[in-house]
C-alpha atoms as a PDB file:
ATOM      1  CA  MET A   1     104.464  80.480  96.838  1.00  0.00           C
ATOM      2  CA  SER A   2     103.679  77.254  95.043  1.00  0.00           C
ATOM      3  CA  ASP A   3      99.939  77.665  95.577  1.00  0.00           C
ATOM      4  CA  PRO A   4      98.710  80.921  93.965  1.00  0.00           C
ATOM      5  CA  GLU A   5      95.349  80.543  95.675  1.00  0.00           C
ATOM      6  CA  ARG A   6      96.855  80.378  99.161  1.00  0.00           C
ATOM      7  CA  THR A   7      95.529  83.022 101.520  1.00  0.00           C
ATOM      8  CA  ALA A   8      97.780  84.851 103.942  1.00  0.00           C
ATOM      9  CA  ALA A   9      97.375  87.424 106.672  1.00  0.00           C
ATOM     10  CA  PRO A  10      97.087  90.994 105.378  1.00  0.00           C
ATOM     11  CA  VAL A  11     100.387  92.805 104.981  1.00  0.00           C
ATOM     12  CA  ASP A  12     101.120  95.533 107.505  1.00  0.00           C
ATOM     13  CA  TYR A  13     102.111  98.379 105.210  1.00  0.00           C
ATOM     14  CA  ALA A  14     102.423 100.947 108.019  1.00  0.00           C
ATOM     15  CA  PRO A  15     106.253 100.720 108.166  1.00  0.00           C
ATOM     16  CA  VAL A  16     106.458 101.122 104.375  1.00  0.00           C
ATOM     17  CA  ARG A  17     104.168 104.158 104.491  1.00  0.00           C
ATOM     18  CA  ALA A  18     106.211 105.710 107.316  1.00  0.00           C
ATOM     19  CA  ALA A  19     109.479 105.130 105.479  1.00  0.00           C
ATOM     20  CA  TYR A  20     108.306 106.709 102.249  1.00  0.00           C
ATOM     21  CA  ASP A  21     106.692 109.628 104.042  1.00  0.00           C
ATOM     22  CA  THR A  22     110.084 110.272 105.626  1.00  0.00           C
ATOM     23  CA  VAL A  23     112.117 110.097 102.413  1.00  0.00           C
ATOM     24  CA  ALA A  24     109.534 111.519  99.985  1.00  0.00           C
ATOM     25  CA  ASP A  25     111.197 114.855  99.257  1.00  0.00           C
ATOM     26  CA  ASP A  26     114.669 113.354  98.793  1.00  0.00           C
ATOM     27  CA  TYR A  27     113.212 110.557  96.654  1.00  0.00           C
ATOM     28  CA  ALA A  28     111.400 113.028  94.406  1.00  0.00           C
ATOM     29  CA  ALA A  29     114.495 115.211  94.035  1.00  0.00           C
ATOM     30  CA  ARG A  30     116.813 112.296  93.198  1.00  0.00           C
ATOM     31  CA  LEU A  31     114.383 110.497  90.872  1.00  0.00           C
ATOM     32  CA  PRO A  32     112.485 113.270  89.084  1.00  0.00           C
ATOM     33  CA  ASP A  33     112.061 111.386  85.797  1.00  0.00           C
ATOM     34  CA  THR A  34     112.969 108.153  83.990  1.00  0.00           C
ATOM     35  CA  ARG A  35     116.752 108.650  83.889  1.00  0.00           C
ATOM     36  CA  ALA A  36     117.142 105.596  86.186  1.00  0.00           C
ATOM     37  CA  GLU A  37     115.357 103.298  83.712  1.00  0.00           C
ATOM     38  CA  ALA A  38     117.281 101.234  81.179  1.00  0.00           C
ATOM     39  CA  PRO A  39     116.317 101.586  77.489  1.00  0.00           C
ATOM     40  CA  LEU A  40     114.660  98.161  77.609  1.00  0.00           C
ATOM     41  CA  ASP A  41     112.518  99.304  80.550  1.00  0.00           C
ATOM     42  CA  LEU A  42     111.385 102.363  78.620  1.00  0.00           C
ATOM     43  CA  ALA A  43     110.611 100.184  75.617  1.00  0.00           C
ATOM     44  CA  MET A  44     108.253  98.126  77.769  1.00  0.00           C
ATOM     45  CA  LEU A  45     106.591 101.287  79.075  1.00  0.00           C
ATOM     46  CA  ASP A  46     106.243 102.602  75.523  1.00  0.00           C
ATOM     47  CA  HIS A  47     104.680  99.324  74.385  1.00  0.00           C
ATOM     48  CA  PHE A  48     102.288  99.375  77.344  1.00  0.00           C
ATOM     49  CA  ALA A  49     101.227 102.955  76.614  1.00  0.00           C
ATOM     50  CA  ALA A  50     100.648 102.198  72.932  1.00  0.00           C
ATOM     51  CA  THR A  51      98.781  98.960  73.661  1.00  0.00           C
ATOM     52  CA  VAL A  52      96.488 100.521  76.252  1.00  0.00           C
ATOM     53  CA  SER A  53      95.717 103.510  74.050  1.00  0.00           C
ATOM     54  CA  ALA A  54      94.960 101.263  71.069  1.00  0.00           C
ATOM     55  CA  SER A  55      92.607  98.981  72.991  1.00  0.00           C
ATOM     56  CA  GLY A  56      90.534 101.552  74.838  1.00  0.00           C
ATOM     57  CA  ALA A  57      90.357 105.129  76.058  1.00  0.00           C
ATOM     58  CA  GLY A  58      93.874 104.935  77.467  1.00  0.00           C
ATOM     59  CA  ALA A  59      92.791 105.228  81.102  1.00  0.00           C
ATOM     60  CA  VAL A  60      95.746 104.010  83.187  1.00  0.00           C
ATOM     61  CA  LEU A  61      96.116 103.558  86.929  1.00  0.00           C
ATOM     62  CA  ASP A  62      99.691 104.012  88.147  1.00  0.00           C
ATOM     63  CA  ALA A  63      99.322 101.922  91.308  1.00  0.00           C
ATOM     64  CA  GLY A  64     102.130 102.738  93.701  1.00  0.00           C
ATOM     65  CA  CYS A  65     102.985 105.882  91.757  1.00  0.00           C
ATOM     66  CA  GLY A  66     105.478 107.350  94.216  1.00  0.00           C
ATOM     67  CA  ALA A  67     106.310 110.920  93.265  1.00  0.00           C
ATOM     68  CA  GLY A  68     104.683 110.508  89.862  1.00  0.00           C
ATOM     69  CA  ARG A  69     107.657 110.242  87.511  1.00  0.00           C
ATOM     70  CA  ILE A  70     106.253 107.246  85.571  1.00  0.00           C
ATOM     71  CA  SER A  71     102.781 108.773  85.631  1.00  0.00           C
ATOM     72  CA  ARG A  72     104.310 111.751  83.828  1.00  0.00           C
ATOM     73  CA  TYR A  73     106.041 109.499  81.296  1.00  0.00           C
ATOM     74  CA  LEU A  74     102.790 107.714  80.421  1.00  0.00           C
ATOM     75  CA  ALA A  75     100.749 110.922  80.333  1.00  0.00           C
ATOM     76  CA  ASP A  76     103.245 112.399  77.881  1.00  0.00           C
ATOM     77  CA  ARG A  77     102.569 109.371  75.652  1.00  0.00           C
ATOM     78  CA  GLY A  78      98.842 109.949  75.481  1.00  0.00           C
ATOM     79  CA  CYS A  79      97.540 107.958  78.450  1.00  0.00           C
ATOM     80  CA  ALA A  80      94.888 109.380  80.773  1.00  0.00           C
ATOM     81  CA  VAL A  81      96.739 108.629  84.007  1.00  0.00           C
ATOM     82  CA  THR A  82      95.509 108.423  87.588  1.00  0.00           C
ATOM     83  CA  GLY A  83      98.058 107.820  90.336  1.00  0.00           C
ATOM     84  CA  VAL A  84      97.608 106.207  93.732  1.00  0.00           C
ATOM     85  CA  ASP A  85     100.199 105.650  96.430  1.00  0.00           C
ATOM     86  CA  LEU A  86     100.306 104.433 100.012  1.00  0.00           C
ATOM     87  CA  SER A  87     102.388 107.401 101.177  1.00  0.00           C
ATOM     88  CA  PRO A  88     100.725 110.815 101.658  1.00  0.00           C
ATOM     89  CA  GLY A  89     104.192 112.354 101.430  1.00  0.00           C
ATOM     90  CA  MET A  90     104.794 110.800  98.031  1.00  0.00           C
ATOM     91  CA  VAL A  91     101.349 111.832  96.798  1.00  0.00           C
ATOM     92  CA  ALA A  92     102.009 115.415  97.908  1.00  0.00           C
ATOM     93  CA  ALA A  93     105.304 115.401  95.987  1.00  0.00           C
ATOM     94  CA  ALA A  94     103.536 114.008  92.913  1.00  0.00           C
ATOM     95  CA  GLN A  95     100.833 116.669  93.096  1.00  0.00           C
ATOM     96  CA  ARG A  96     103.424 119.447  93.329  1.00  0.00           C
ATOM     97  CA  ALA A  97     105.401 118.177  90.357  1.00  0.00           C
ATOM     98  CA  HIS A  98     102.516 117.101  88.106  1.00  0.00           C
ATOM     99  CA  ALA A  99      99.497 119.270  88.809  1.00  0.00           C
ATOM    100  CA  ASP A 100      97.691 118.104  85.673  1.00  0.00           C
ATOM    101  CA  ILE A 101      97.510 114.476  86.873  1.00  0.00           C
ATOM    102  CA  ALA A 102      95.117 113.230  89.570  1.00  0.00           C
ATOM    103  CA  PHE A 103      96.825 111.530  92.527  1.00  0.00           C
ATOM    104  CA  THR A 104      95.303 110.069  95.663  1.00  0.00           C
ATOM    105  CA  VAL A 105      96.344 108.103  98.736  1.00  0.00           C
ATOM    106  CA  GLY A 106      95.518 104.400  98.783  1.00  0.00           C
ATOM    107  CA  SER A 107      96.904 100.891  99.015  1.00  0.00           C
ATOM    108  CA  ILE A 108      97.651  98.680  96.020  1.00  0.00           C
ATOM    109  CA  ALA A 109      96.073  95.855  98.034  1.00  0.00           C
ATOM    110  CA  ASP A 110      92.805  97.799  98.489  1.00  0.00           C
ATOM    111  CA  LEU A 111      92.401 100.171  95.565  1.00  0.00           C
ATOM    112  CA  PRO A 112      89.890 103.021  96.034  1.00  0.00           C
ATOM    113  CA  TYR A 113      88.265 102.581  92.608  1.00  0.00           C
ATOM    114  CA  PRO A 114      85.209 100.729  91.254  1.00  0.00           C
ATOM    115  CA  ASP A 115      85.419  97.552  89.218  1.00  0.00           C
ATOM    116  CA  ASP A 116      86.257  97.884  85.512  1.00  0.00           C
ATOM    117  CA  SER A 117      87.633 101.416  85.834  1.00  0.00           C
ATOM    118  CA  PHE A 118      90.824 101.297  83.756  1.00  0.00           C
ATOM    119  CA  ASP A 119      92.218 100.112  80.443  1.00  0.00           C
ATOM    120  CA  GLY A 120      95.631  99.604  82.019  1.00  0.00           C
ATOM    121  CA  VAL A 121      97.176  99.160  85.452  1.00  0.00           C
ATOM    122  CA  LEU A 122     100.855  99.798  86.130  1.00  0.00           C
ATOM    123  CA  LEU A 123     102.672  98.247  89.090  1.00  0.00           C
ATOM    124  CA  TRP A 124     106.133  99.710  88.487  1.00  0.00           C
ATOM    125  CA  TYR A 125     108.295  98.373  91.326  1.00  0.00           C
ATOM    126  CA  SER A 126     105.359  98.914  93.679  1.00  0.00           C
ATOM    127  CA  THR A 127     104.943  95.235  94.625  1.00  0.00           C
ATOM    128  CA  ILE A 128     108.490  94.909  95.957  1.00  0.00           C
ATOM    129  CA  HIS A 129     107.579  95.639  99.584  1.00  0.00           C
ATOM    130  CA  THR A 130     104.975  92.858  99.638  1.00  0.00           C
ATOM    131  CA  PRO A 131     106.227  89.343 100.527  1.00  0.00           C
ATOM    132  CA  PRO A 132     105.857  87.057  97.483  1.00  0.00           C
ATOM    133  CA  GLU A 133     103.450  84.726  99.299  1.00  0.00           C
ATOM    134  CA  GLN A 134     101.149  87.708  99.928  1.00  0.00           C
ATOM    135  CA  LEU A 135     101.009  89.142  96.416  1.00  0.00           C
ATOM    136  CA  GLY A 136      97.683  87.478  95.575  1.00  0.00           C
ATOM    137  CA  PRO A 137      95.476  90.291  96.925  1.00  0.00           C
ATOM    138  CA  VAL A 138      97.513  92.897  95.036  1.00  0.00           C
ATOM    139  CA  PHE A 139      96.963  91.172  91.704  1.00  0.00           C
ATOM    140  CA  ARG A 140      93.297  90.518  92.512  1.00  0.00           C
ATOM    141  CA  GLU A 141      92.816  94.248  93.019  1.00  0.00           C
ATOM    142  CA  ALA A 142      94.585  95.050  89.757  1.00  0.00           C
ATOM    143  CA  ALA A 143      92.366  92.553  87.920  1.00  0.00           C
ATOM    144  CA  ARG A 144      89.236  93.930  89.610  1.00  0.00           C
ATOM    145  CA  VAL A 145      89.756  97.504  88.424  1.00  0.00           C
ATOM    146  CA  LEU A 146      90.825  96.459  84.907  1.00  0.00           C
ATOM    147  CA  ARG A 147      88.253  96.352  82.152  1.00  0.00           C
ATOM    148  CA  SER A 148      87.963  93.157  80.132  1.00  0.00           C
ATOM    149  CA  GLY A 149      90.800  93.144  77.629  1.00  0.00           C
ATOM    150  CA  GLY A 150      92.778  95.627  79.700  1.00  0.00           C
ATOM    151  CA  HIS A 151      96.485  95.316  80.353  1.00  0.00           C
ATOM    152  CA  LEU A 152      98.690  95.059  83.424  1.00  0.00           C
ATOM    153  CA  LEU A 153     102.393  95.945  83.448  1.00  0.00           C
ATOM    154  CA  VAL A 154     104.347  94.885  86.535  1.00  0.00           C
ATOM    155  CA  ALA A 155     108.068  95.414  87.161  1.00  0.00           C
ATOM    156  CA  PHE A 156     110.192  94.058  89.999  1.00  0.00           C
ATOM    157  CA  GLN A 157     113.668  92.851  90.957  1.00  0.00           C
ATOM    158  CA  SER A 158     114.215  89.185  90.131  1.00  0.00           C
ATOM    159  CA  GLY A 159     115.535  86.472  92.403  1.00  0.00           C
ATOM    160  CA  SER A 160     114.821  85.173  95.871  1.00  0.00           C
ATOM    161  CA  GLY A 161     115.252  86.483  99.380  1.00  0.00           C
ATOM    162  CA  THR A 162     115.053  89.917 100.934  1.00  0.00           C
ATOM    163  CA  ARG A 163     117.164  93.050 100.557  1.00  0.00           C
ATOM    164  CA  ASP A 164     117.546  95.663 103.295  1.00  0.00           C
ATOM    165  CA  VAL A 165     117.394  99.025 101.525  1.00  0.00           C
ATOM    166  CA  SER A 166     117.452 101.076 104.735  1.00  0.00           C
ATOM    167  CA  PRO A 167     121.206 101.876 104.564  1.00  0.00           C
ATOM    168  CA  ALA A 168     120.778 103.774 101.276  1.00  0.00           C
ATOM    169  CA  TYR A 169     118.327 106.141 102.954  1.00  0.00           C
ATOM    170  CA  ARG A 170     120.302 106.377 106.162  1.00  0.00           C
ATOM    171  CA  ARG A 171     123.227 107.705 104.166  1.00  0.00           C
ATOM    172  CA  LEU A 172     120.902 110.571 103.238  1.00  0.00           C
ATOM    173  CA  GLY A 173     120.136 111.195 106.911  1.00  0.00           C
ATOM    174  CA  HIS A 174     116.839 109.296 107.164  1.00  0.00           C
ATOM    175  CA  ASP A 175     116.385 106.813 110.019  1.00  0.00           C
ATOM    176  CA  VAL A 176     114.014 104.357 108.326  1.00  0.00           C
ATOM    177  CA  GLU A 177     113.458 100.612 108.108  1.00  0.00           C
ATOM    178  CA  LEU A 178     112.649  99.388 104.612  1.00  0.00           C
ATOM    179  CA  HIS A 179     113.028  96.013 102.925  1.00  0.00           C
ATOM    180  CA  ARG A 180     112.211  94.727  99.465  1.00  0.00           C
ATOM    181  CA  TYR A 181     111.426  91.179  98.410  1.00  0.00           C
ATOM    182  CA  LEU A 182     112.707  89.379  95.330  1.00  0.00           C
ATOM    183  CA  THR A 183     110.616  87.039  93.213  1.00  0.00           C
ATOM    184  CA  THR A 184     110.658  85.626  89.682  1.00  0.00           C
ATOM    185  CA  ALA A 185     108.492  85.767  86.596  1.00  0.00           C
ATOM    186  CA  ASP A 186     107.783  82.057  86.897  1.00  0.00           C
ATOM    187  CA  GLU A 187     106.398  82.655  90.395  1.00  0.00           C
ATOM    188  CA  VAL A 188     104.358  85.720  89.498  1.00  0.00           C
ATOM    189  CA  VAL A 189     102.700  84.447  86.311  1.00  0.00           C
ATOM    190  CA  PRO A 190     100.609  81.775  88.140  1.00  0.00           C
ATOM    191  CA  LEU A 191      99.331  84.501  90.461  1.00  0.00           C
ATOM    192  CA  LEU A 192      98.232  86.536  87.458  1.00  0.00           C
ATOM    193  CA  GLU A 193      96.590  83.510  85.876  1.00  0.00           C
ATOM    194  CA  ALA A 194      94.716  82.835  89.125  1.00  0.00           C
ATOM    195  CA  VAL A 195      92.946  86.202  88.787  1.00  0.00           C
ATOM    196  CA  GLY A 196      92.074  85.781  85.115  1.00  0.00           C
ATOM    197  CA  MET A 197      95.067  87.410  83.429  1.00  0.00           C
ATOM    198  CA  SER A 198      97.362  85.892  80.830  1.00  0.00           C
ATOM    199  CA  GLU A 199     100.985  86.763  80.144  1.00  0.00           C
ATOM    200  CA  THR A 200     101.594  88.425  76.771  1.00  0.00           C
ATOM    201  CA  CYS A 201     105.191  89.626  77.079  1.00  0.00           C
ATOM    202  CA  ARG A 202     108.142  89.084  79.400  1.00  0.00           C
ATOM    203  CA  LEU A 203     111.420  90.975  79.815  1.00  0.00           C
ATOM    204  CA  VAL A 204     114.114  89.636  82.127  1.00  0.00           C
ATOM    205  CA  ARG A 205     117.353  91.580  81.932  1.00  0.00           C
ATOM    206  CA  SER A 206     120.638  91.605  83.788  1.00  0.00           C
ATOM    207  CA  ALA A 207     121.504  94.274  86.331  1.00  0.00           C
ATOM    208  CA  HIS A 208     123.120  97.443  85.050  1.00  0.00           C
ATOM    209  CA  GLY A 209     124.605 100.510  86.668  1.00  0.00           C
ATOM    210  CA  HIS A 210     124.061 100.467  90.415  1.00  0.00           C
ATOM    211  CA  GLU A 211     121.514  97.640  90.289  1.00  0.00           C
ATOM    212  CA  ALA A 212     122.275  94.547  92.349  1.00  0.00           C
ATOM    213  CA  ASP A 213     119.715  92.158  90.839  1.00  0.00           C
ATOM    214  CA  GLN A 214     118.132  91.089  87.576  1.00  0.00           C
ATOM    215  CA  GLN A 215     115.023  93.041  86.611  1.00  0.00           C
ATOM    216  CA  THR A 216     111.730  91.629  85.312  1.00  0.00           C
ATOM    217  CA  VAL A 217     108.888  93.377  83.495  1.00  0.00           C
ATOM    218  CA  LEU A 218     105.717  91.403  82.732  1.00  0.00           C
ATOM    219  CA  LEU A 219     102.823  92.429  80.527  1.00  0.00           C
ATOM    220  CA  ALA A 220      99.520  90.592  81.015  1.00  0.00           C
ATOM    221  CA  ARG A 221      96.005  90.889  79.602  1.00  0.00           C
ATOM    222  CA  ALA A 222      92.741  90.644  81.523  1.00  0.00           C
ATOM    223  CA  GLY A 223      89.933  88.400  80.308  1.00  0.00           C
END
């Protein structure tokens, strides 16, 4: 990951889509809101919402929105939120729970929106199933749909290596294969800079509760 311009083969997201389609209803029931977030995480989301609303119309893309719980949080803070997720099952759950927000199916690596569409893009733990060396296209897409001066907020588990998260879902009766990849702020920031964004704020906190890893939240500005 030392070269942020390095190209890599496209990620095969089909297994990720299949896994989240399988667990969508359980996921939505167990994580209906932001109760899993630490106060520092919510502070970063609050700052993002306020910053985006102050700098534009407050149009935010929740890219990798899952069942829409963070979309709801941002909408309740005045943002005009659109959600997109790879999993049709997750999008269906989001639509049921939050009928006033627009959700659609799509990949964070190939967003179904025109250039310069949003004042803010949120990648809230939605990059974690992409290998670190293949994150470039994801951030290029985020930069493409951001308006000049817009803001990106990205959150992920910090560290190195891979975690198998399949056992957690198997305990709920779901036979899925799902892994997440760890990376660091110092590795991600050059990727953001390579697509014309600059870091404006960084939170790195220790694990709490049932978390196994440090957590990072980065705020960056386009243009």
